[in-house]
């Protein structure tokens, strides 16, 4: 995510399974150091940081605009329920 001034995350979600849900919450997690999910010198897993949560209507669309100049090495999205989710990032200078 580094090297771009403007970033937008576009999200779509379709529910899976029989439980009816109106919205899926997508948690946006970032790795500021590039080490999240890796064992460090002390043999513990480096944590991911939760940036925000976005509510996506099932069958619908939502977006998140990152703060201008925001920077992190990695980003991942985690859904609150089983779903088919599409996450598309748009970066511009």
PDB file of N, CA and C in Angstrom:
ATOM      1  N   UNK A   1       0.815  -1.201   0.000  1.00  0.00           N
ATOM      2  CA  UNK A   1       0.000   0.000   0.000  1.00  0.00           C
ATOM      3  C   UNK A   1       0.851   1.254   0.000  1.00  0.00           C
ATOM      4  N   UNK A   2       2.151   1.124   0.027  1.00  0.00           N
ATOM      5  CA  UNK A   2       3.009   2.301   0.116  1.00  0.00           C
ATOM      6  C   UNK A   2       3.225   2.915  -1.264  1.00  0.00           C
ATOM      7  N   UNK A   3       3.505   4.200  -1.291  1.00  0.00           N
ATOM      8  CA  UNK A   3       3.855   4.871  -2.532  1.00  0.00           C
ATOM      9  C   UNK A   3       2.702   5.510  -3.281  1.00  0.00           C
ATOM     10  N   UNK A   4       1.480   5.416  -2.768  1.00  0.00           N
ATOM     11  CA  UNK A   4       0.330   6.043  -3.410  1.00  0.00           C
ATOM     12  C   UNK A   4      -0.358   6.967  -2.413  1.00  0.00           C
ATOM     13  N   UNK A   5      -0.801   8.114  -2.874  1.00  0.00           N
ATOM     14  CA  UNK A   5      -1.432   9.095  -1.996  1.00  0.00           C
ATOM     15  C   UNK A   5      -2.881   8.749  -1.698  1.00  0.00           C
ATOM     16  N   UNK A   6      -3.618   8.327  -2.734  1.00  0.00           N
ATOM     17  CA  UNK A   6      -5.056   8.087  -2.608  1.00  0.00           C
ATOM     18  C   UNK A   6      -5.367   6.607  -2.787  1.00  0.00           C
ATOM     19  N   UNK A   7      -6.207   6.082  -1.879  1.00  0.00           N
ATOM     20  CA  UNK A   7      -6.567   4.667  -1.918  1.00  0.00           C
ATOM     21  C   UNK A   7      -8.044   4.515  -1.577  1.00  0.00           C
ATOM     22  N   UNK A   8      -8.714   3.637  -2.325  1.00  0.00           N
ATOM     23  CA  UNK A   8     -10.124   3.331  -2.060  1.00  0.00           C
ATOM     24  C   UNK A   8     -10.287   1.819  -2.106  1.00  0.00           C
ATOM     25  N   UNK A   9     -11.084   1.285  -1.183  1.00  0.00           N
ATOM     26  CA  UNK A   9     -11.419  -0.129  -1.159  1.00  0.00           C
ATOM     27  C   UNK A   9     -12.884  -0.268  -1.561  1.00  0.00           C
ATOM     28  N   UNK A  10     -13.151  -1.054  -2.600  1.00  0.00           N
ATOM     29  CA  UNK A  10     -14.515  -1.318  -3.081  1.00  0.00           C
ATOM     30  C   UNK A  10     -14.897  -2.728  -2.643  1.00  0.00           C
ATOM     31  N   UNK A  11     -16.091  -2.883  -2.064  1.00  0.00           N
ATOM     32  CA  UNK A  11     -16.517  -4.175  -1.518  1.00  0.00           C
ATOM     33  C   UNK A  11     -17.890  -4.585  -2.015  1.00  0.00           C
ATOM     34  N   UNK A  12     -18.027  -5.875  -2.336  1.00  0.00           N
ATOM     35  CA  UNK A  12     -19.322  -6.497  -2.635  1.00  0.00           C
ATOM     36  C   UNK A  12     -19.379  -7.781  -1.831  1.00  0.00           C
ATOM     37  N   UNK A  13     -20.576  -8.176  -1.393  1.00  0.00           N
ATOM     38  CA  UNK A  13     -20.708  -9.406  -0.613  1.00  0.00           C
ATOM     39  C   UNK A  13     -22.008 -10.117  -0.960  1.00  0.00           C
ATOM     40  N   UNK A  14     -21.909 -11.426  -1.093  1.00  0.00           N
ATOM     41  CA  UNK A  14     -23.063 -12.303  -1.287  1.00  0.00           C
ATOM     42  C   UNK A  14     -23.047 -13.312  -0.147  1.00  0.00           C
ATOM     43  N   UNK A  15     -24.188 -13.510   0.524  1.00  0.00           N
ATOM     44  CA  UNK A  15     -24.258 -14.429   1.658  1.00  0.00           C
ATOM     45  C   UNK A  15     -24.128 -15.875   1.187  1.00  0.00           C
ATOM     46  N   UNK A  16     -23.625 -16.713   2.064  1.00  0.00           N
ATOM     47  CA  UNK A  16     -23.574 -18.154   1.846  1.00  0.00           C
ATOM     48  C   UNK A  16     -24.302 -18.826   2.988  1.00  0.00           C
ATOM     49  N   UNK A  17     -24.838 -20.001   2.742  1.00  0.00           N
ATOM     50  CA  UNK A  17     -25.526 -20.740   3.793  1.00  0.00           C
ATOM     51  C   UNK A  17     -26.973 -20.325   3.907  1.00  0.00           C
ATOM     52  N   UNK A  18     -27.663 -20.914   4.867  1.00  0.00           N
ATOM     53  CA  UNK A  18     -29.101 -20.710   4.987  1.00  0.00           C
ATOM     54  C   UNK A  18     -29.496 -19.590   5.944  1.00  0.00           C
ATOM     55  N   UNK A  19     -28.564 -19.129   6.769  1.00  0.00           N
ATOM     56  CA  UNK A  19     -28.900 -18.074   7.723  1.00  0.00           C
ATOM     57  C   UNK A  19     -29.046 -16.737   7.003  1.00  0.00           C
ATOM     58  N   UNK A  20     -30.243 -16.129   7.099  1.00  0.00           N
ATOM     59  CA  UNK A  20     -30.432 -14.841   6.428  1.00  0.00           C
ATOM     60  C   UNK A  20     -29.701 -13.712   7.167  1.00  0.00           C
ATOM     61  N   UNK A  21     -28.926 -12.957   6.436  1.00  0.00           N
ATOM     62  CA  UNK A  21     -28.255 -11.791   6.994  1.00  0.00           C
ATOM     63  C   UNK A  21     -28.483 -10.611   6.058  1.00  0.00           C
ATOM     64  N   UNK A  22     -28.642  -9.431   6.623  1.00  0.00           N
ATOM     65  CA  UNK A  22     -28.879  -8.238   5.814  1.00  0.00           C
ATOM     66  C   UNK A  22     -27.569  -7.561   5.440  1.00  0.00           C
ATOM     67  N   UNK A  23     -26.579  -7.669   6.335  1.00  0.00           N
ATOM     68  CA  UNK A  23     -25.291  -7.015   6.117  1.00  0.00           C
ATOM     69  C   UNK A  23     -24.156  -7.948   6.534  1.00  0.00           C
ATOM     70  N   UNK A  24     -23.037  -7.807   5.854  1.00  0.00           N
ATOM     71  CA  UNK A  24     -21.814  -8.493   6.234  1.00  0.00           C
ATOM     72  C   UNK A  24     -20.839  -7.397   6.678  1.00  0.00           C
ATOM     73  N   UNK A  25     -20.236  -7.564   7.829  1.00  0.00           N
ATOM     74  CA  UNK A  25     -19.229  -6.612   8.273  1.00  0.00           C
ATOM     75  C   UNK A  25     -17.867  -7.090   7.795  1.00  0.00           C
ATOM     76  N   UNK A  26     -17.177  -6.221   7.083  1.00  0.00           N
ATOM     77  CA  UNK A  26     -15.843  -6.526   6.583  1.00  0.00           C
ATOM     78  C   UNK A  26     -14.852  -5.694   7.394  1.00  0.00           C
ATOM     79  N   UNK A  27     -13.990  -6.388   8.129  1.00  0.00           N
ATOM     80  CA  UNK A  27     -12.964  -5.711   8.917  1.00  0.00           C
ATOM     81  C   UNK A  27     -11.741  -5.506   8.026  1.00  0.00           C
ATOM     82  N   UNK A  28     -11.242  -4.283   7.988  1.00  0.00           N
ATOM     83  CA  UNK A  28     -10.044  -3.948   7.208  1.00  0.00           C
ATOM     84  C   UNK A  28      -8.868  -3.943   8.180  1.00  0.00           C
ATOM     85  N   UNK A  29      -7.935  -4.864   7.966  1.00  0.00           N
ATOM     86  CA  UNK A  29      -6.779  -4.994   8.840  1.00  0.00           C
ATOM     87  C   UNK A  29      -5.515  -4.650   8.065  1.00  0.00           C
ATOM     88  N   UNK A  30      -4.580  -3.996   8.731  1.00  0.00           N
ATOM     89  CA  UNK A  30      -3.338  -3.578   8.072  1.00  0.00           C
ATOM     90  C   UNK A  30      -2.123  -4.054   8.864  1.00  0.00           C
ATOM     91  N   UNK A  31      -1.025  -4.147   8.143  1.00  0.00           N
ATOM     92  CA  UNK A  31       0.269  -4.519   8.699  1.00  0.00           C
ATOM     93  C   UNK A  31       1.208  -3.347   8.425  1.00  0.00           C
ATOM     94  N   UNK A  32       1.531  -2.603   9.469  1.00  0.00           N
ATOM     95  CA  UNK A  32       2.364  -1.409   9.300  1.00  0.00           C
ATOM     96  C   UNK A  32       3.839  -1.735   9.113  1.00  0.00           C
ATOM     97  N   UNK A  33       4.305  -2.861   9.673  1.00  0.00           N
ATOM     98  CA  UNK A  33       5.734  -3.170   9.666  1.00  0.00           C
ATOM     99  C   UNK A  33       6.157  -4.163   8.591  1.00  0.00           C
ATOM    100  N   UNK A  34       5.216  -4.883   8.024  1.00  0.00           N
ATOM    101  CA  UNK A  34       5.551  -5.935   7.065  1.00  0.00           C
ATOM    102  C   UNK A  34       5.820  -7.266   7.731  1.00  0.00           C
ATOM    103  N   UNK A  35       5.588  -7.359   9.031  1.00  0.00           N
ATOM    104  CA  UNK A  35       5.896  -8.581   9.773  1.00  0.00           C
ATOM    105  C   UNK A  35       4.676  -9.300  10.336  1.00  0.00           C
ATOM    106  N   UNK A  36       3.468  -8.817  10.103  1.00  0.00           N
ATOM    107  CA  UNK A  36       2.279  -9.456  10.673  1.00  0.00           C
ATOM    108  C   UNK A  36       2.159 -10.890  10.165  1.00  0.00           C
ATOM    109  N   UNK A  37       1.812 -11.767  11.076  1.00  0.00           N
ATOM    110  CA  UNK A  37       1.661 -13.173  10.727  1.00  0.00           C
ATOM    111  C   UNK A  37       2.971 -13.937  10.699  1.00  0.00           C
ATOM    112  N   UNK A  38       4.081 -13.284  11.016  1.00  0.00           N
ATOM    113  CA  UNK A  38       5.392 -13.938  11.022  1.00  0.00           C
ATOM    114  C   UNK A  38       5.925 -14.011  12.447  1.00  0.00           C
ATOM    115  N   UNK A  39       6.649 -15.029  12.718  1.00  0.00           N
ATOM    116  CA  UNK A  39       7.261 -15.173  14.046  1.00  0.00           C
ATOM    117  C   UNK A  39       8.485 -14.265  14.144  1.00  0.00           C
ATOM    118  N   UNK A  40       8.546 -13.497  15.216  1.00  0.00           N
ATOM    119  CA  UNK A  40       9.681 -12.614  15.442  1.00  0.00           C
ATOM    120  C   UNK A  40      10.740 -13.290  16.298  1.00  0.00           C
ATOM    121  N   UNK A  41      11.692 -12.528  16.762  1.00  0.00           N
ATOM    122  CA  UNK A  41      12.779 -13.047  17.592  1.00  0.00           C
ATOM    123  C   UNK A  41      12.263 -13.703  18.872  1.00  0.00           C
ATOM    124  N   UNK A  42      11.149 -13.223  19.394  1.00  0.00           N
ATOM    125  CA  UNK A  42      10.599 -13.767  20.629  1.00  0.00           C
ATOM    126  C   UNK A  42       9.588 -14.882  20.377  1.00  0.00           C
ATOM    127  N   UNK A  43       9.512 -15.377  19.146  1.00  0.00           N
ATOM    128  CA  UNK A  43       8.657 -16.499  18.755  1.00  0.00           C
ATOM    129  C   UNK A  43       7.164 -16.243  18.964  1.00  0.00           C
ATOM    130  N   UNK A  44       6.721 -15.017  18.806  1.00  0.00           N
ATOM    131  CA  UNK A  44       5.297 -14.736  18.843  1.00  0.00           C
ATOM    132  C   UNK A  44       4.884 -14.189  17.483  1.00  0.00           C
ATOM    133  N   UNK A  45       3.607 -14.310  17.188  1.00  0.00           N
ATOM    134  CA  UNK A  45       3.103 -13.827  15.911  1.00  0.00           C
ATOM    135  C   UNK A  45       2.904 -12.317  15.986  1.00  0.00           C
ATOM    136  N   UNK A  46       3.438 -11.610  15.006  1.00  0.00           N
ATOM    137  CA  UNK A  46       3.221 -10.167  14.930  1.00  0.00           C
ATOM    138  C   UNK A  46       1.734  -9.934  14.623  1.00  0.00           C
ATOM    139  N   UNK A  47       1.076  -9.023  15.320  1.00  0.00           N
ATOM    140  CA  UNK A  47      -0.364  -8.833  15.125  1.00  0.00           C
ATOM    141  C   UNK A  47      -0.713  -7.965  13.912  1.00  0.00           C
ATOM    142  N   UNK A  48      -1.911  -8.186  13.383  1.00  0.00           N
ATOM    143  CA  UNK A  48      -2.509  -7.278  12.410  1.00  0.00           C
ATOM    144  C   UNK A  48      -3.239  -6.200  13.190  1.00  0.00           C
ATOM    145  N   UNK A  49      -3.328  -5.000  12.650  1.00  0.00           N
ATOM    146  CA  UNK A  49      -4.042  -3.896  13.294  1.00  0.00           C
ATOM    147  C   UNK A  49      -5.355  -3.663  12.568  1.00  0.00           C
ATOM    148  N   UNK A  50      -6.439  -3.564  13.321  1.00  0.00           N
ATOM    149  CA  UNK A  50      -7.740  -3.279  12.710  1.00  0.00           C
ATOM    150  C   UNK A  50      -7.836  -1.788  12.444  1.00  0.00           C
ATOM    151  N   UNK A  51      -8.042  -1.441  11.178  1.00  0.00           N
ATOM    152  CA  UNK A  51      -8.157  -0.039  10.780  1.00  0.00           C
ATOM    153  C   UNK A  51      -9.596   0.435  10.894  1.00  0.00           C
ATOM    154  N   UNK A  52     -10.533  -0.350  10.347  1.00  0.00           N
ATOM    155  CA  UNK A  52     -11.943   0.019  10.351  1.00  0.00           C
ATOM    156  C   UNK A  52     -12.776  -1.215  10.047  1.00  0.00           C
ATOM    157  N   UNK A  53     -14.078  -1.073  10.174  1.00  0.00           N
ATOM    158  CA  UNK A  53     -15.027  -2.109   9.769  1.00  0.00           C
ATOM    159  C   UNK A  53     -16.049  -1.450   8.851  1.00  0.00           C
ATOM    160  N   UNK A  54     -16.368  -2.140   7.760  1.00  0.00           N
ATOM    161  CA  UNK A  54     -17.308  -1.605   6.772  1.00  0.00           C
ATOM    162  C   UNK A  54     -18.507  -2.547   6.688  1.00  0.00           C
ATOM    163  N   UNK A  55     -19.706  -2.008   6.803  1.00  0.00           N
ATOM    164  CA  UNK A  55     -20.920  -2.800   6.671  1.00  0.00           C
ATOM    165  C   UNK A  55     -21.328  -2.845   5.201  1.00  0.00           C
ATOM    166  N   UNK A  56     -21.386  -4.058   4.652  1.00  0.00           N
ATOM    167  CA  UNK A  56     -21.724  -4.227   3.236  1.00  0.00           C
ATOM    168  C   UNK A  56     -23.092  -4.895   3.148  1.00  0.00           C
ATOM    169  N   UNK A  57     -24.074  -4.268   2.497  1.00  0.00           N
ATOM    170  CA  UNK A  57     -25.366  -4.913   2.347  1.00  0.00           C
ATOM    171  C   UNK A  57     -25.234  -6.180   1.491  1.00  0.00           C
ATOM    172  N   UNK A  58     -25.872  -7.266   1.921  1.00  0.00           N
ATOM    173  CA  UNK A  58     -25.814  -8.501   1.147  1.00  0.00           C
ATOM    174  C   UNK A  58     -26.389  -8.242  -0.241  1.00  0.00           C
ATOM    175  N   UNK A  59     -25.619  -8.603  -1.246  1.00  0.00           N
ATOM    176  CA  UNK A  59     -26.023  -8.350  -2.631  1.00  0.00           C
ATOM    177  C   UNK A  59     -25.749  -6.925  -3.067  1.00  0.00           C
ATOM    178  N   UNK A  60     -25.112  -6.156  -2.199  1.00  0.00           N
ATOM    179  CA  UNK A  60     -24.885  -4.752  -2.493  1.00  0.00           C
ATOM    180  C   UNK A  60     -23.416  -4.387  -2.516  1.00  0.00           C
ATOM    181  N   UNK A  61     -23.156  -3.107  -2.347  1.00  0.00           N
ATOM    182  CA  UNK A  61     -21.825  -2.533  -2.522  1.00  0.00           C
ATOM    183  C   UNK A  61     -21.562  -1.524  -1.422  1.00  0.00           C
ATOM    184  N   UNK A  62     -20.309  -1.439  -1.000  1.00  0.00           N
ATOM    185  CA  UNK A  62     -19.867  -0.406  -0.061  1.00  0.00           C
ATOM    186  C   UNK A  62     -18.418  -0.069  -0.398  1.00  0.00           C
ATOM    187  N   UNK A  63     -17.954   1.052   0.120  1.00  0.00           N
ATOM    188  CA  UNK A  63     -16.562   1.436  -0.143  1.00  0.00           C
ATOM    189  C   UNK A  63     -15.980   2.076   1.110  1.00  0.00           C
ATOM    190  N   UNK A  64     -14.659   2.131   1.140  1.00  0.00           N
ATOM    191  CA  UNK A  64     -13.936   2.806   2.212  1.00  0.00           C
ATOM    192  C   UNK A  64     -12.824   3.626   1.570  1.00  0.00           C
ATOM    193  N   UNK A  65     -12.766   4.916   1.908  1.00  0.00           N
ATOM    194  CA  UNK A  65     -11.709   5.794   1.414  1.00  0.00           C
ATOM    195  C   UNK A  65     -10.662   5.911   2.519  1.00  0.00           C
ATOM    196  N   UNK A  66      -9.446   5.460   2.227  1.00  0.00           N
ATOM    197  CA  UNK A  66      -8.363   5.565   3.189  1.00  0.00           C
ATOM    198  C   UNK A  66      -7.979   7.036   3.360  1.00  0.00           C
ATOM    199  N   UNK A  67      -7.497   7.408   4.546  1.00  0.00           N
ATOM    200  CA  UNK A  67      -7.036   8.790   4.727  1.00  0.00           C
ATOM    201  C   UNK A  67      -5.937   9.126   3.710  1.00  0.00           C
ATOM    202  N   UNK A  68      -5.915  10.354   3.241  1.00  0.00           N
ATOM    203  CA  UNK A  68      -4.915  10.793   2.270  1.00  0.00           C
ATOM    204  C   UNK A  68      -3.515  10.519   2.815  1.00  0.00           C
ATOM    205  N   UNK A  69      -2.703   9.854   2.007  1.00  0.00           N
ATOM    206  CA  UNK A  69      -1.337   9.557   2.390  1.00  0.00           C
ATOM    207  C   UNK A  69      -1.175   8.363   3.318  1.00  0.00           C
ATOM    208  N   UNK A  70      -2.262   7.670   3.648  1.00  0.00           N
ATOM    209  CA  UNK A  70      -2.183   6.502   4.527  1.00  0.00           C
ATOM    210  C   UNK A  70      -1.219   5.489   3.933  1.00  0.00           C
ATOM    211  N   UNK A  71      -0.434   4.835   4.802  1.00  0.00           N
ATOM    212  CA  UNK A  71       0.554   3.888   4.313  1.00  0.00           C
ATOM    213  C   UNK A  71       0.650   2.685   5.230  1.00  0.00           C
ATOM    214  N   UNK A  72       0.731   1.509   4.639  1.00  0.00           N
ATOM    215  CA  UNK A  72       0.965   0.256   5.356  1.00  0.00           C
ATOM    216  C   UNK A  72       1.592  -0.709   4.359  1.00  0.00           C
ATOM    217  N   UNK A  73       2.270  -1.730   4.866  1.00  0.00           N
ATOM    218  CA  UNK A  73       2.906  -2.683   3.962  1.00  0.00           C
ATOM    219  C   UNK A  73       1.905  -3.660   3.363  1.00  0.00           C
ATOM    220  N   UNK A  74       0.964  -4.132   4.175  1.00  0.00           N
ATOM    221  CA  UNK A  74      -0.025  -5.102   3.716  1.00  0.00           C
ATOM    222  C   UNK A  74      -1.394  -4.727   4.241  1.00  0.00           C
ATOM    223  N   UNK A  75      -2.420  -5.199   3.546  1.00  0.00           N
ATOM    224  CA  UNK A  75      -3.801  -5.034   4.003  1.00  0.00           C
ATOM    225  C   UNK A  75      -4.538  -6.337   3.736  1.00  0.00           C
ATOM    226  N   UNK A  76      -5.480  -6.663   4.614  1.00  0.00           N
ATOM    227  CA  UNK A  76      -6.331  -7.829   4.391  1.00  0.00           C
ATOM    228  C   UNK A  76      -7.736  -7.497   4.852  1.00  0.00           C
ATOM    229  N   UNK A  77      -8.706  -8.241   4.372  1.00  0.00           N
ATOM    230  CA  UNK A  77     -10.097  -8.058   4.774  1.00  0.00           C
ATOM    231  C   UNK A  77     -10.593  -9.356   5.399  1.00  0.00           C
ATOM    232  N   UNK A  78     -11.395  -9.234   6.452  1.00  0.00           N
ATOM    233  CA  UNK A  78     -11.917 -10.383   7.180  1.00  0.00           C
ATOM    234  C   UNK A  78     -13.430 -10.191   7.326  1.00  0.00           C
ATOM    235  N   UNK A  79     -14.203 -11.175   6.846  1.00  0.00           N
ATOM    236  CA  UNK A  79     -15.664 -11.082   6.882  1.00  0.00           C
ATOM    237  C   UNK A  79     -16.212 -11.613   8.196  1.00  0.00           C
ATOM    238  N   UNK A  80     -17.345 -11.047   8.626  1.00  0.00           N
ATOM    239  CA  UNK A  80     -17.984 -11.444   9.878  1.00  0.00           C
ATOM    240  C   UNK A  80     -18.815 -12.720   9.741  1.00  0.00           C
ATOM    241  N   UNK A  81     -19.073 -13.147   8.505  1.00  0.00           N
ATOM    242  CA  UNK A  81     -19.882 -14.343   8.254  1.00  0.00           C
ATOM    243  C   UNK A  81     -19.413 -14.983   6.953  1.00  0.00           C
ATOM    244  N   UNK A  82     -19.796 -16.251   6.764  1.00  0.00           N
ATOM    245  CA  UNK A  82     -19.468 -16.903   5.502  1.00  0.00           C
ATOM    246  C   UNK A  82     -20.107 -16.137   4.360  1.00  0.00           C
ATOM    247  N   UNK A  83     -19.322 -15.834   3.340  1.00  0.00           N
ATOM    248  CA  UNK A  83     -19.840 -15.076   2.212  1.00  0.00           C
ATOM    249  C   UNK A  83     -18.896 -15.206   1.029  1.00  0.00           C
ATOM    250  N   UNK A  84     -19.377 -14.828  -0.125  1.00  0.00           N
ATOM    251  CA  UNK A  84     -18.528 -14.601  -1.285  1.00  0.00           C
ATOM    252  C   UNK A  84     -18.317 -13.103  -1.331  1.00  0.00           C
ATOM    253  N   UNK A  85     -17.093 -12.687  -1.146  1.00  0.00           N
ATOM    254  CA  UNK A  85     -16.788 -11.261  -1.064  1.00  0.00           C
ATOM    255  C   UNK A  85     -15.759 -10.891  -2.121  1.00  0.00           C
ATOM    256  N   UNK A  86     -15.972  -9.760  -2.740  1.00  0.00           N
ATOM    257  CA  UNK A  86     -14.995  -9.207  -3.662  1.00  0.00           C
ATOM    258  C   UNK A  86     -14.463  -7.919  -3.060  1.00  0.00           C
ATOM    259  N   UNK A  87     -13.141  -7.828  -2.968  1.00  0.00           N
ATOM    260  CA  UNK A  87     -12.487  -6.624  -2.466  1.00  0.00           C
ATOM    261  C   UNK A  87     -11.547  -6.139  -3.542  1.00  0.00           C
ATOM    262  N   UNK A  88     -11.764  -4.910  -4.010  1.00  0.00           N
ATOM    263  CA  UNK A  88     -10.920  -4.337  -5.061  1.00  0.00           C
ATOM    264  C   UNK A  88     -10.354  -3.017  -4.559  1.00  0.00           C
ATOM    265  N   UNK A  89      -9.027  -2.882  -4.678  1.00  0.00           N
ATOM    266  CA  UNK A  89      -8.344  -1.673  -4.241  1.00  0.00           C
ATOM    267  C   UNK A  89      -8.019  -0.828  -5.458  1.00  0.00           C
ATOM    268  N   UNK A  90      -8.218   0.483  -5.327  1.00  0.00           N
ATOM    269  CA  UNK A  90      -7.835   1.435  -6.365  1.00  0.00           C
ATOM    270  C   UNK A  90      -6.849   2.411  -5.746  1.00  0.00           C
ATOM    271  N   UNK A  91      -5.649   2.473  -6.307  1.00  0.00           N
ATOM    272  CA  UNK A  91      -4.603   3.379  -5.820  1.00  0.00           C
ATOM    273  C   UNK A  91      -4.302   4.405  -6.917  1.00  0.00           C
ATOM    274  N   UNK A  92      -4.156   5.679  -6.516  1.00  0.00           N
ATOM    275  CA  UNK A  92      -3.727   6.720  -7.447  1.00  0.00           C
ATOM    276  C   UNK A  92      -2.695   7.603  -6.770  1.00  0.00           C
ATOM    277  N   UNK A  93      -1.878   8.243  -7.588  1.00  0.00           N
ATOM    278  CA  UNK A  93      -0.820   9.112  -7.063  1.00  0.00           C
ATOM    279  C   UNK A  93      -1.397  10.369  -6.445  1.00  0.00           C
TER     280      UNK A  93
END
